[in-house]
Amino acid sequence: MNQQNLFSAEVGAVVERLIKETVFGSLLLVVQDSRVVQVERNEKFQFPAPRKNATGLSQGMSANAQKSLSGLSAALKGLQFGQVAVKIQESRIVQIDRTEKKRMPDLMGISGDGI
């Protein structure tokens, strides 16, 4: 599986931007046919709000950014159907969860649908 097809530059740029913009929250990457087809963001707001830099974005995506994105790529590798959830705190990835869906062709119901 080609890394570029798995985690394209476009998806990488979107994920990187969303991580920078999210102080506390999570991203959910939905995978179909071994490709990221959707990214969902869930953000939590805490009061008082953390300080942001002059650009309006939280400080983040430092030297650990590349490592975080490579960890995300590793979670996506080999995933045909499923989701990868990314937990973010202080604009940094702190946890990556992978949920894989497997199709069981031998388990068919009476009407032909899966169980």
PDB file of N, CA and C in Angstrom:
ATOM      1  N   MET A   1       0.850  -1.181   0.000  1.00  0.00           N
ATOM      2  CA  MET A   1       0.000   0.000   0.000  1.00  0.00           C
ATOM      3  C   MET A   1       0.888   1.234   0.000  1.00  0.00           C
ATOM      4  N   ASN A   2       0.691   2.082  -0.959  1.00  0.00           N
ATOM      5  CA  ASN A   2       1.455   3.304  -1.103  1.00  0.00           C
ATOM      6  C   ASN A   2       1.075   4.297  -0.009  1.00  0.00           C
ATOM      7  N   GLN A   3       2.078   4.843   0.692  1.00  0.00           N
ATOM      8  CA  GLN A   3       1.846   5.800   1.772  1.00  0.00           C
ATOM      9  C   GLN A   3       1.075   7.010   1.266  1.00  0.00           C
ATOM     10  N   GLN A   4       1.352   7.471   0.059  1.00  0.00           N
ATOM     11  CA  GLN A   4       0.715   8.650  -0.482  1.00  0.00           C
ATOM     12  C   GLN A   4      -0.784   8.408  -0.673  1.00  0.00           C
ATOM     13  N   ASN A   5      -1.187   7.223  -1.134  1.00  0.00           N
ATOM     14  CA  ASN A   5      -2.602   6.912  -1.293  1.00  0.00           C
ATOM     15  C   ASN A   5      -3.300   6.784   0.049  1.00  0.00           C
ATOM     16  N   LEU A   6      -2.564   6.324   1.060  1.00  0.00           N
ATOM     17  CA  LEU A   6      -3.124   6.109   2.381  1.00  0.00           C
ATOM     18  C   LEU A   6      -3.373   7.424   3.103  1.00  0.00           C
ATOM     19  N   PHE A   7      -2.398   8.311   3.063  1.00  0.00           N
ATOM     20  CA  PHE A   7      -2.460   9.557   3.811  1.00  0.00           C
ATOM     21  C   PHE A   7      -1.916  10.638   2.890  1.00  0.00           C
ATOM     22  N   SER A   8      -2.761  11.140   2.006  1.00  0.00           N
ATOM     23  CA  SER A   8      -2.324  12.075   0.979  1.00  0.00           C
ATOM     24  C   SER A   8      -1.853  13.393   1.582  1.00  0.00           C
ATOM     25  N   ALA A   9      -1.170  14.175   0.779  1.00  0.00           N
ATOM     26  CA  ALA A   9      -0.704  15.494   1.219  1.00  0.00           C
ATOM     27  C   ALA A   9      -1.883  16.369   1.605  1.00  0.00           C
ATOM     28  N   GLU A  10      -2.985  16.247   0.870  1.00  0.00           N
ATOM     29  CA  GLU A  10      -4.179  17.040   1.170  1.00  0.00           C
ATOM     30  C   GLU A  10      -4.745  16.670   2.542  1.00  0.00           C
ATOM     31  N   VAL A  11      -4.875  15.372   2.820  1.00  0.00           N
ATOM     32  CA  VAL A  11      -5.373  14.925   4.123  1.00  0.00           C
ATOM     33  C   VAL A  11      -4.394  15.344   5.213  1.00  0.00           C
ATOM     34  N   GLY A  12      -3.105  15.194   4.959  1.00  0.00           N
ATOM     35  CA  GLY A  12      -2.093  15.599   5.930  1.00  0.00           C
ATOM     36  C   GLY A  12      -2.179  17.074   6.270  1.00  0.00           C
ATOM     37  N   ALA A  13      -2.380  17.906   5.252  1.00  0.00           N
ATOM     38  CA  ALA A  13      -2.490  19.350   5.473  1.00  0.00           C
ATOM     39  C   ALA A  13      -3.736  19.696   6.289  1.00  0.00           C
ATOM     40  N   VAL A  14      -4.843  19.030   5.988  1.00  0.00           N
ATOM     41  CA  VAL A  14      -6.085  19.276   6.739  1.00  0.00           C
ATOM     42  C   VAL A  14      -5.921  18.841   8.190  1.00  0.00           C
ATOM     43  N   VAL A  15      -5.371  17.645   8.397  1.00  0.00           N
ATOM     44  CA  VAL A  15      -5.177  17.136   9.760  1.00  0.00           C
ATOM     45  C   VAL A  15      -4.232  18.042  10.530  1.00  0.00           C
ATOM     46  N   GLU A  16      -3.149  18.466   9.911  1.00  0.00           N
ATOM     47  CA  GLU A  16      -2.195  19.354  10.579  1.00  0.00           C
ATOM     48  C   GLU A  16      -2.860  20.668  10.977  1.00  0.00           C
ATOM     49  N   ARG A  17      -3.657  21.242  10.077  1.00  0.00           N
ATOM     50  CA  ARG A  17      -4.353  22.497  10.377  1.00  0.00           C
ATOM     51  C   ARG A  17      -5.350  22.316  11.518  1.00  0.00           C
ATOM     52  N   LEU A  18      -6.104  21.210  11.489  1.00  0.00           N
ATOM     53  CA  LEU A  18      -7.087  20.966  12.532  1.00  0.00           C
ATOM     54  C   LEU A  18      -6.429  20.752  13.896  1.00  0.00           C
ATOM     55  N   ILE A  19      -5.278  20.099  13.915  1.00  0.00           N
ATOM     56  CA  ILE A  19      -4.562  19.913  15.180  1.00  0.00           C
ATOM     57  C   ILE A  19      -4.110  21.262  15.724  1.00  0.00           C
ATOM     58  N   LYS A  20      -3.587  22.126  14.854  1.00  0.00           N
ATOM     59  CA  LYS A  20      -3.156  23.457  15.283  1.00  0.00           C
ATOM     60  C   LYS A  20      -4.320  24.262  15.847  1.00  0.00           C
ATOM     61  N   GLU A  21      -5.498  24.139  15.224  1.00  0.00           N
ATOM     62  CA  GLU A  21      -6.657  24.921  15.626  1.00  0.00           C
ATOM     63  C   GLU A  21      -7.361  24.374  16.858  1.00  0.00           C
ATOM     64  N   THR A  22      -7.166  23.102  17.171  1.00  0.00           N
ATOM     65  CA  THR A  22      -7.874  22.450  18.272  1.00  0.00           C
ATOM     66  C   THR A  22      -7.009  22.468  19.520  1.00  0.00           C
ATOM     67  N   VAL A  23      -7.518  23.104  20.583  1.00  0.00           N
ATOM     68  CA  VAL A  23      -6.777  23.130  21.839  1.00  0.00           C
ATOM     69  C   VAL A  23      -7.075  21.859  22.626  1.00  0.00           C
ATOM     70  N   PHE A  24      -8.341  21.541  22.833  1.00  0.00           N
ATOM     71  CA  PHE A  24      -8.766  20.307  23.487  1.00  0.00           C
ATOM     72  C   PHE A  24      -9.883  19.696  22.665  1.00  0.00           C
ATOM     73  N   GLY A  25      -9.756  18.439  22.290  1.00  0.00           N
ATOM     74  CA  GLY A  25     -10.796  17.785  21.514  1.00  0.00           C
ATOM     75  C   GLY A  25     -10.267  16.545  20.834  1.00  0.00           C
ATOM     76  N   SER A  26     -10.904  16.191  19.721  1.00  0.00           N
ATOM     77  CA  SER A  26     -10.496  14.985  19.010  1.00  0.00           C
ATOM     78  C   SER A  26     -10.804  15.101  17.535  1.00  0.00           C
ATOM     79  N   LEU A  27     -10.080  14.304  16.761  1.00  0.00           N
ATOM     80  CA  LEU A  27     -10.345  14.148  15.331  1.00  0.00           C
ATOM     81  C   LEU A  27     -10.690  12.693  15.097  1.00  0.00           C
ATOM     82  N   LEU A  28     -11.602  12.440  14.183  1.00  0.00           N
ATOM     83  CA  LEU A  28     -11.971  11.087  13.809  1.00  0.00           C
ATOM     84  C   LEU A  28     -11.779  10.963  12.307  1.00  0.00           C
ATOM     85  N   LEU A  29     -10.867  10.091  11.895  1.00  0.00           N
ATOM     86  CA  LEU A  29     -10.611   9.858  10.482  1.00  0.00           C
ATOM     87  C   LEU A  29     -11.336   8.589  10.076  1.00  0.00           C
ATOM     88  N   VAL A  30     -12.217   8.677   9.093  1.00  0.00           N
ATOM     89  CA  VAL A  30     -13.005   7.543   8.630  1.00  0.00           C
ATOM     90  C   VAL A  30     -12.335   6.978   7.378  1.00  0.00           C
ATOM     91  N   VAL A  31     -12.120   5.657   7.387  1.00  0.00           N
ATOM     92  CA  VAL A  31     -11.401   4.983   6.307  1.00  0.00           C
ATOM     93  C   VAL A  31     -12.330   4.028   5.575  1.00  0.00           C
ATOM     94  N   GLN A  32     -12.338   4.110   4.247  1.00  0.00           N
ATOM     95  CA  GLN A  32     -13.058   3.168   3.395  1.00  0.00           C
ATOM     96  C   GLN A  32     -12.143   2.819   2.233  1.00  0.00           C
ATOM     97  N   ASP A  33     -12.107   1.551   1.905  1.00  0.00           N
ATOM     98  CA  ASP A  33     -11.252   1.073   0.815  1.00  0.00           C
ATOM     99  C   ASP A  33      -9.812   1.561   0.984  1.00  0.00           C
ATOM    100  N   SER A  34      -9.325   1.508   2.219  1.00  0.00           N
ATOM    101  CA  SER A  34      -7.938   1.842   2.556  1.00  0.00           C
ATOM    102  C   SER A  34      -7.582   3.307   2.328  1.00  0.00           C
ATOM    103  N   ARG A  35      -8.582   4.204   2.288  1.00  0.00           N
ATOM    104  CA  ARG A  35      -8.325   5.631   2.095  1.00  0.00           C
ATOM    105  C   ARG A  35      -9.133   6.443   3.091  1.00  0.00           C
ATOM    106  N   VAL A  36      -8.545   7.515   3.586  1.00  0.00           N
ATOM    107  CA  VAL A  36      -9.271   8.439   4.457  1.00  0.00           C
ATOM    108  C   VAL A  36     -10.297   9.166   3.594  1.00  0.00           C
ATOM    109  N   VAL A  37     -11.576   9.027   3.951  1.00  0.00           N
ATOM    110  CA  VAL A  37     -12.638   9.647   3.159  1.00  0.00           C
ATOM    111  C   VAL A  37     -13.347  10.763   3.921  1.00  0.00           C
ATOM    112  N   GLN A  38     -13.070  10.872   5.226  1.00  0.00           N
ATOM    113  CA  GLN A  38     -13.771  11.873   6.026  1.00  0.00           C
ATOM    114  C   GLN A  38     -12.968  12.160   7.293  1.00  0.00           C
ATOM    115  N   VAL A  39     -12.968  13.410   7.725  1.00  0.00           N
ATOM    116  CA  VAL A  39     -12.357  13.803   8.994  1.00  0.00           C
ATOM    117  C   VAL A  39     -13.400  14.583   9.771  1.00  0.00           C
ATOM    118  N   GLU A  40     -13.651  14.151  11.013  1.00  0.00           N
ATOM    119  CA  GLU A  40     -14.601  14.840  11.881  1.00  0.00           C
ATOM    120  C   GLU A  40     -13.835  15.449  13.047  1.00  0.00           C
ATOM    121  N   ARG A  41     -14.216  16.663  13.444  1.00  0.00           N
ATOM    122  CA  ARG A  41     -13.560  17.322  14.575  1.00  0.00           C
ATOM    123  C   ARG A  41     -14.586  17.559  15.675  1.00  0.00           C
ATOM    124  N   ASN A  42     -14.191  17.215  16.905  1.00  0.00           N
ATOM    125  CA  ASN A  42     -14.996  17.470  18.086  1.00  0.00           C
ATOM    126  C   ASN A  42     -14.114  18.276  19.025  1.00  0.00           C
ATOM    127  N   GLU A  43     -14.503  19.510  19.295  1.00  0.00           N
ATOM    128  CA  GLU A  43     -13.664  20.374  20.115  1.00  0.00           C
ATOM    129  C   GLU A  43     -14.350  20.700  21.429  1.00  0.00           C
ATOM    130  N   LYS A  44     -13.548  20.697  22.504  1.00  0.00           N
ATOM    131  CA  LYS A  44     -14.032  21.058  23.825  1.00  0.00           C
ATOM    132  C   LYS A  44     -13.492  22.440  24.157  1.00  0.00           C
ATOM    133  N   PHE A  45     -14.312  23.261  24.783  1.00  0.00           N
ATOM    134  CA  PHE A  45     -13.890  24.593  25.182  1.00  0.00           C
ATOM    135  C   PHE A  45     -13.843  24.647  26.698  1.00  0.00           C
ATOM    136  N   GLN A  46     -12.710  25.093  27.225  1.00  0.00           N
ATOM    137  CA  GLN A  46     -12.548  25.220  28.660  1.00  0.00           C
ATOM    138  C   GLN A  46     -12.419  26.698  29.002  1.00  0.00           C
ATOM    139  N   PHE A  47     -12.961  27.085  30.136  1.00  0.00           N
ATOM    140  CA  PHE A  47     -12.924  28.483  30.545  1.00  0.00           C
ATOM    141  C   PHE A  47     -12.163  28.603  31.847  1.00  0.00           C
ATOM    142  N   PRO A  48     -11.244  29.539  31.994  1.00  0.00           N
ATOM    143  CA  PRO A  48     -10.861  30.507  30.958  1.00  0.00           C
ATOM    144  C   PRO A  48     -10.100  29.818  29.828  1.00  0.00           C
ATOM    145  N   ALA A  49     -10.271  30.351  28.630  1.00  0.00           N
ATOM    146  CA  ALA A  49      -9.666  29.743  27.442  1.00  0.00           C
ATOM    147  C   ALA A  49      -8.154  29.876  27.481  1.00  0.00           C
ATOM    148  N   PRO A  50      -7.413  28.849  27.016  1.00  0.00           N
ATOM    149  CA  PRO A  50      -5.952  28.946  26.930  1.00  0.00           C
ATOM    150  C   PRO A  50      -5.535  30.067  25.986  1.00  0.00           C
ATOM    151  N   ARG A  51      -4.385  30.624  26.226  1.00  0.00           N
ATOM    152  CA  ARG A  51      -3.880  31.708  25.376  1.00  0.00           C
ATOM    153  C   ARG A  51      -3.474  31.185  24.017  1.00  0.00           C
ATOM    154  N   LYS A  52      -3.711  32.022  23.028  1.00  0.00           N
ATOM    155  CA  LYS A  52      -3.314  31.679  21.664  1.00  0.00           C
ATOM    156  C   LYS A  52      -2.263  32.662  21.201  1.00  0.00           C
ATOM    157  N   ASN A  53      -1.496  32.277  20.194  1.00  0.00           N
ATOM    158  CA  ASN A  53      -0.440  33.156  19.695  1.00  0.00           C
ATOM    159  C   ASN A  53      -1.020  34.261  18.811  1.00  0.00           C
ATOM    160  N   ALA A  54      -0.168  35.085  18.234  1.00  0.00           N
ATOM    161  CA  ALA A  54      -0.608  36.249  17.456  1.00  0.00           C
ATOM    162  C   ALA A  54      -1.434  35.871  16.232  1.00  0.00           C
ATOM    163  N   THR A  55      -1.276  34.662  15.703  1.00  0.00           N
ATOM    164  CA  THR A  55      -2.034  34.254  14.522  1.00  0.00           C
ATOM    165  C   THR A  55      -3.427  33.771  14.896  1.00  0.00           C
ATOM    166  N   GLY A  56      -3.697  33.663  16.208  1.00  0.00           N
ATOM    167  CA  GLY A  56      -4.995  33.171  16.642  1.00  0.00           C
ATOM    168  C   GLY A  56      -5.034  31.668  16.811  1.00  0.00           C
ATOM    169  N   LEU A  57      -3.918  31.003  16.538  1.00  0.00           N
ATOM    170  CA  LEU A  57      -3.847  29.559  16.686  1.00  0.00           C
ATOM    171  C   LEU A  57      -3.085  29.228  17.954  1.00  0.00           C
ATOM    172  N   SER A  58      -3.431  28.117  18.572  1.00  0.00           N
ATOM    173  CA  SER A  58      -2.697  27.687  19.753  1.00  0.00           C
ATOM    174  C   SER A  58      -1.274  27.338  19.369  1.00  0.00           C
ATOM    175  N   GLN A  59      -0.379  27.490  20.323  1.00  0.00           N
ATOM    176  CA  GLN A  59       0.985  27.049  20.102  1.00  0.00           C
ATOM    177  C   GLN A  59       0.943  25.537  19.931  1.00  0.00           C
ATOM    178  N   GLY A  60       1.528  25.015  18.925  1.00  0.00           N
ATOM    179  CA  GLY A  60       1.494  23.574  18.705  1.00  0.00           C
ATOM    180  C   GLY A  60       2.264  23.196  17.461  1.00  0.00           C
ATOM    181  N   MET A  61       2.231  21.908  17.131  1.00  0.00           N
ATOM    182  CA  MET A  61       2.888  21.367  15.948  1.00  0.00           C
ATOM    183  C   MET A  61       4.367  21.741  15.944  1.00  0.00           C
ATOM    184  N   SER A  62       5.023  21.516  17.076  1.00  0.00           N
ATOM    185  CA  SER A  62       6.442  21.792  17.193  1.00  0.00           C
ATOM    186  C   SER A  62       7.229  20.669  16.532  1.00  0.00           C
ATOM    187  N   ALA A  63       8.384  20.370  17.078  1.00  0.00           N
ATOM    188  CA  ALA A  63       9.232  19.318  16.502  1.00  0.00           C
ATOM    189  C   ALA A  63       8.561  17.956  16.579  1.00  0.00           C
ATOM    190  N   ASN A  64       7.625  17.786  17.502  1.00  0.00           N
ATOM    191  CA  ASN A  64       6.928  16.506  17.635  1.00  0.00           C
ATOM    192  C   ASN A  64       5.831  16.321  16.584  1.00  0.00           C
ATOM    193  N   ALA A  65       5.559  17.357  15.799  1.00  0.00           N
ATOM    194  CA  ALA A  65       4.477  17.286  14.816  1.00  0.00           C
ATOM    195  C   ALA A  65       4.706  16.176  13.802  1.00  0.00           C
ATOM    196  N   GLN A  66       5.901  16.088  13.268  1.00  0.00           N
ATOM    197  CA  GLN A  66       6.188  15.061  12.267  1.00  0.00           C
ATOM    198  C   GLN A  66       6.052  13.674  12.865  1.00  0.00           C
ATOM    199  N   LYS A  67       6.505  13.509  14.114  1.00  0.00           N
ATOM    200  CA  LYS A  67       6.379  12.231  14.801  1.00  0.00           C
ATOM    201  C   LYS A  67       4.912  11.873  14.996  1.00  0.00           C
ATOM    202  N   SER A  68       4.094  12.870  15.363  1.00  0.00           N
ATOM    203  CA  SER A  68       2.669  12.628  15.555  1.00  0.00           C
ATOM    204  C   SER A  68       1.997  12.214  14.254  1.00  0.00           C
ATOM    205  N   LEU A  69       2.328  12.901  13.163  1.00  0.00           N
ATOM    206  CA  LEU A  69       1.735  12.560  11.872  1.00  0.00           C
ATOM    207  C   LEU A  69       2.215  11.194  11.383  1.00  0.00           C
ATOM    208  N   SER A  70       3.450  10.817  11.702  1.00  0.00           N
ATOM    209  CA  SER A  70       3.909   9.493  11.305  1.00  0.00           C
ATOM    210  C   SER A  70       3.215   8.421  12.144  1.00  0.00           C
ATOM    211  N   GLY A  71       2.912   8.725  13.414  1.00  0.00           N
ATOM    212  CA  GLY A  71       2.131   7.808  14.247  1.00  0.00           C
ATOM    213  C   GLY A  71       0.726   7.643  13.700  1.00  0.00           C
ATOM    214  N   LEU A  72       0.175   8.725  13.196  1.00  0.00           N
ATOM    215  CA  LEU A  72      -1.144   8.673  12.578  1.00  0.00           C
ATOM    216  C   LEU A  72      -1.100   7.844  11.301  1.00  0.00           C
ATOM    217  N   SER A  73      -0.061   8.016  10.504  1.00  0.00           N
ATOM    218  CA  SER A  73       0.103   7.214   9.287  1.00  0.00           C
ATOM    219  C   SER A  73       0.230   5.738   9.628  1.00  0.00           C
ATOM    220  N   ALA A  74       0.950   5.429  10.701  1.00  0.00           N
ATOM    221  CA  ALA A  74       1.112   4.032  11.125  1.00  0.00           C
ATOM    222  C   ALA A  74      -0.227   3.432  11.526  1.00  0.00           C
ATOM    223  N   ALA A  75      -1.079   4.222  12.200  1.00  0.00           N
ATOM    224  CA  ALA A  75      -2.399   3.733  12.596  1.00  0.00           C
ATOM    225  C   ALA A  75      -3.287   3.482  11.379  1.00  0.00           C
ATOM    226  N   LEU A  76      -3.098   4.263  10.328  1.00  0.00           N
ATOM    227  CA  LEU A  76      -3.902   4.115   9.116  1.00  0.00           C
ATOM    228  C   LEU A  76      -3.409   2.977   8.220  1.00  0.00           C
ATOM    229  N   LYS A  77      -2.141   2.634   8.353  1.00  0.00           N
ATOM    230  CA  LYS A  77      -1.535   1.630   7.470  1.00  0.00           C
ATOM    231  C   LYS A  77      -2.244   0.282   7.612  1.00  0.00           C
ATOM    232  N   GLY A  78      -2.641  -0.280   6.495  1.00  0.00           N
ATOM    233  CA  GLY A  78      -3.280  -1.591   6.471  1.00  0.00           C
ATOM    234  C   GLY A  78      -4.747  -1.575   6.853  1.00  0.00           C
ATOM    235  N   LEU A  79      -5.282  -0.420   7.179  1.00  0.00           N
ATOM    236  CA  LEU A  79      -6.694  -0.308   7.565  1.00  0.00           C
ATOM    237  C   LEU A  79      -7.539  -0.165   6.309  1.00  0.00           C
ATOM    238  N   GLN A  80      -8.411  -1.147   6.049  1.00  0.00           N
ATOM    239  CA  GLN A  80      -9.249  -1.087   4.860  1.00  0.00           C
ATOM    240  C   GLN A  80     -10.574  -0.392   5.165  1.00  0.00           C
ATOM    241  N   PHE A  81     -11.218  -0.770   6.274  1.00  0.00           N
ATOM    242  CA  PHE A  81     -12.465  -0.142   6.708  1.00  0.00           C
ATOM    243  C   PHE A  81     -12.369   0.097   8.209  1.00  0.00           C
ATOM    244  N   GLY A  82     -12.721   1.279   8.663  1.00  0.00           N
ATOM    245  CA  GLY A  82     -12.701   1.560  10.089  1.00  0.00           C
ATOM    246  C   GLY A  82     -12.497   3.031  10.369  1.00  0.00           C
ATOM    247  N   GLN A  83     -11.988   3.307  11.577  1.00  0.00           N
ATOM    248  CA  GLN A  83     -11.803   4.680  12.013  1.00  0.00           C
ATOM    249  C   GLN A  83     -10.518   4.800  12.819  1.00  0.00           C
ATOM    250  N   VAL A  84      -9.921   5.972  12.756  1.00  0.00           N
ATOM    251  CA  VAL A  84      -8.787   6.302  13.605  1.00  0.00           C
ATOM    252  C   VAL A  84      -9.171   7.566  14.363  1.00  0.00           C
ATOM    253  N   ALA A  85      -9.202   7.478  15.690  1.00  0.00           N
ATOM    254  CA  ALA A  85      -9.556   8.610  16.543  1.00  0.00           C
ATOM    255  C   ALA A  85      -8.277   9.201  17.129  1.00  0.00           C
ATOM    256  N   VAL A  86      -8.163  10.519  17.064  1.00  0.00           N
ATOM    257  CA  VAL A  86      -6.982  11.230  17.544  1.00  0.00           C
ATOM    258  C   VAL A  86      -7.416  12.158  18.674  1.00  0.00           C
ATOM    259  N   LYS A  87      -6.864  11.965  19.869  1.00  0.00           N
ATOM    260  CA  LYS A  87      -7.184  12.821  21.010  1.00  0.00           C
ATOM    261  C   LYS A  87      -6.129  13.920  21.097  1.00  0.00           C
ATOM    262  N   ILE A  88      -6.602  15.159  21.269  1.00  0.00           N
ATOM    263  CA  ILE A  88      -5.727  16.325  21.263  1.00  0.00           C
ATOM    264  C   ILE A  88      -5.859  17.077  22.584  1.00  0.00           C
ATOM    265  N   GLN A  89      -4.739  17.419  23.185  1.00  0.00           N
ATOM    266  CA  GLN A  89      -4.702  18.266  24.378  1.00  0.00           C
ATOM    267  C   GLN A  89      -3.626  19.321  24.161  1.00  0.00           C
ATOM    268  N   GLU A  90      -3.982  20.566  24.409  1.00  0.00           N
ATOM    269  CA  GLU A  90      -3.066  21.685  24.221  1.00  0.00           C
ATOM    270  C   GLU A  90      -2.446  21.665  22.831  1.00  0.00           C
ATOM    271  N   SER A  91      -3.273  21.384  21.841  1.00  0.00           N
ATOM    272  CA  SER A  91      -2.902  21.359  20.423  1.00  0.00           C
ATOM    273  C   SER A  91      -1.832  20.322  20.091  1.00  0.00           C
ATOM    274  N   ARG A  92      -1.751  19.255  20.894  1.00  0.00           N
ATOM    275  CA  ARG A  92      -0.805  18.168  20.636  1.00  0.00           C
ATOM    276  C   ARG A  92      -1.544  16.841  20.679  1.00  0.00           C
ATOM    277  N   ILE A  93      -1.162  15.928  19.810  1.00  0.00           N
ATOM    278  CA  ILE A  93      -1.733  14.584  19.818  1.00  0.00           C
ATOM    279  C   ILE A  93      -1.234  13.866  21.064  1.00  0.00           C
ATOM    280  N   VAL A  94      -2.168  13.356  21.877  1.00  0.00           N
ATOM    281  CA  VAL A  94      -1.788  12.615  23.078  1.00  0.00           C
ATOM    282  C   VAL A  94      -2.207  11.153  23.006  1.00  0.00           C
ATOM    283  N   GLN A  95      -3.101  10.819  22.067  1.00  0.00           N
ATOM    284  CA  GLN A  95      -3.567   9.433  21.966  1.00  0.00           C
ATOM    285  C   GLN A  95      -4.126   9.180  20.582  1.00  0.00           C
ATOM    286  N   ILE A  96      -3.885   7.981  20.061  1.00  0.00           N
ATOM    287  CA  ILE A  96      -4.444   7.555  18.776  1.00  0.00           C
ATOM    288  C   ILE A  96      -5.099   6.198  18.987  1.00  0.00           C
ATOM    289  N   ASP A  97      -6.394   6.086  18.656  1.00  0.00           N
ATOM    290  CA  ASP A  97      -7.132   4.827  18.751  1.00  0.00           C
ATOM    291  C   ASP A  97      -7.536   4.390  17.349  1.00  0.00           C
ATOM    292  N   ARG A  98      -7.398   3.094  17.097  1.00  0.00           N
ATOM    293  CA  ARG A  98      -7.743   2.538  15.791  1.00  0.00           C
ATOM    294  C   ARG A  98      -8.840   1.500  15.978  1.00  0.00           C
ATOM    295  N   THR A  99      -9.909   1.632  15.206  1.00  0.00           N
ATOM    296  CA  THR A  99     -11.002   0.665  15.205  1.00  0.00           C
ATOM    297  C   THR A  99     -11.120   0.115  13.791  1.00  0.00           C
ATOM    298  N   GLU A 100     -10.942  -1.191  13.664  1.00  0.00           N
ATOM    299  CA  GLU A 100     -10.965  -1.821  12.344  1.00  0.00           C
ATOM    300  C   GLU A 100     -12.252  -2.613  12.175  1.00  0.00           C
ATOM    301  N   LYS A 101     -12.870  -2.468  11.017  1.00  0.00           N
ATOM    302  CA  LYS A 101     -14.055  -3.254  10.681  1.00  0.00           C
ATOM    303  C   LYS A 101     -13.627  -4.375   9.746  1.00  0.00           C
ATOM    304  N   LYS A 102     -14.073  -5.560  10.042  1.00  0.00           N
ATOM    305  CA  LYS A 102     -13.768  -6.719   9.195  1.00  0.00           C
ATOM    306  C   LYS A 102     -15.067  -7.264   8.628  1.00  0.00           C
ATOM    307  N   ARG A 103     -15.072  -7.554   7.368  1.00  0.00           N
ATOM    308  CA  ARG A 103     -16.226  -8.166   6.709  1.00  0.00           C
ATOM    309  C   ARG A 103     -16.076  -9.680   6.797  1.00  0.00           C
ATOM    310  N   MET A 104     -17.122 -10.361   7.227  1.00  0.00           N
ATOM    311  CA  MET A 104     -17.117 -11.814   7.351  1.00  0.00           C
ATOM    312  C   MET A 104     -18.068 -12.386   6.309  1.00  0.00           C
ATOM    313  N   PRO A 105     -17.559 -12.723   5.124  1.00  0.00           N
ATOM    314  CA  PRO A 105     -18.432 -13.167   4.033  1.00  0.00           C
ATOM    315  C   PRO A 105     -19.149 -14.487   4.331  1.00  0.00           C
ATOM    316  N   ASP A 106     -18.604 -15.308   5.232  1.00  0.00           N
ATOM    317  CA  ASP A 106     -19.241 -16.602   5.530  1.00  0.00           C
ATOM    318  C   ASP A 106     -20.401 -16.481   6.490  1.00  0.00           C
ATOM    319  N   LEU A 107     -20.575 -15.316   7.129  1.00  0.00           N
ATOM    320  CA  LEU A 107     -21.645 -15.114   8.094  1.00  0.00           C
ATOM    321  C   LEU A 107     -22.774 -14.326   7.450  1.00  0.00           C
ATOM    322  N   MET A 108     -23.687 -15.026   6.833  1.00  0.00           N
ATOM    323  CA  MET A 108     -24.801 -14.387   6.157  1.00  0.00           C
ATOM    324  C   MET A 108     -26.105 -14.714   6.873  1.00  0.00           C
ATOM    325  N   GLY A 109     -26.977 -13.710   6.897  1.00  0.00           N
ATOM    326  CA  GLY A 109     -28.290 -13.923   7.478  1.00  0.00           C
ATOM    327  C   GLY A 109     -29.211 -14.571   6.462  1.00  0.00           C
ATOM    328  N   ILE A 110     -30.442 -14.800   6.846  1.00  0.00           N
ATOM    329  CA  ILE A 110     -31.419 -15.447   5.969  1.00  0.00           C
ATOM    330  C   ILE A 110     -31.646 -14.643   4.699  1.00  0.00           C
ATOM    331  N   SER A 111     -31.694 -13.307   4.841  1.00  0.00           N
ATOM    332  CA  SER A 111     -31.958 -12.460   3.676  1.00  0.00           C
ATOM    333  C   SER A 111     -30.672 -12.095   2.915  1.00  0.00           C
ATOM    334  N   GLY A 112     -29.530 -12.677   3.297  1.00  0.00           N
ATOM    335  CA  GLY A 112     -28.285 -12.413   2.595  1.00  0.00           C
ATOM    336  C   GLY A 112     -27.457 -11.314   3.203  1.00  0.00           C
ATOM    337  N   ASP A 113     -27.984 -10.640   4.239  1.00  0.00           N
ATOM    338  CA  ASP A 113     -27.192  -9.580   4.859  1.00  0.00           C
ATOM    339  C   ASP A 113     -26.265 -10.152   5.921  1.00  0.00           C
ATOM    340  N   GLY A 114     -25.222  -9.400   6.264  1.00  0.00           N
ATOM    341  CA  GLY A 114     -24.276  -9.840   7.286  1.00  0.00           C
ATOM    342  C   GLY A 114     -24.881  -9.768   8.665  1.00  0.00           C
ATOM    343  N   ILE A 115     -24.254 -10.472   9.591  1.00  0.00           N
ATOM    344  CA  ILE A 115     -24.752 -10.476  10.964  1.00  0.00           C
ATOM    345  C   ILE A 115     -24.229  -9.285  11.714  1.00  0.00           C
TER     346      ILE A 115
END
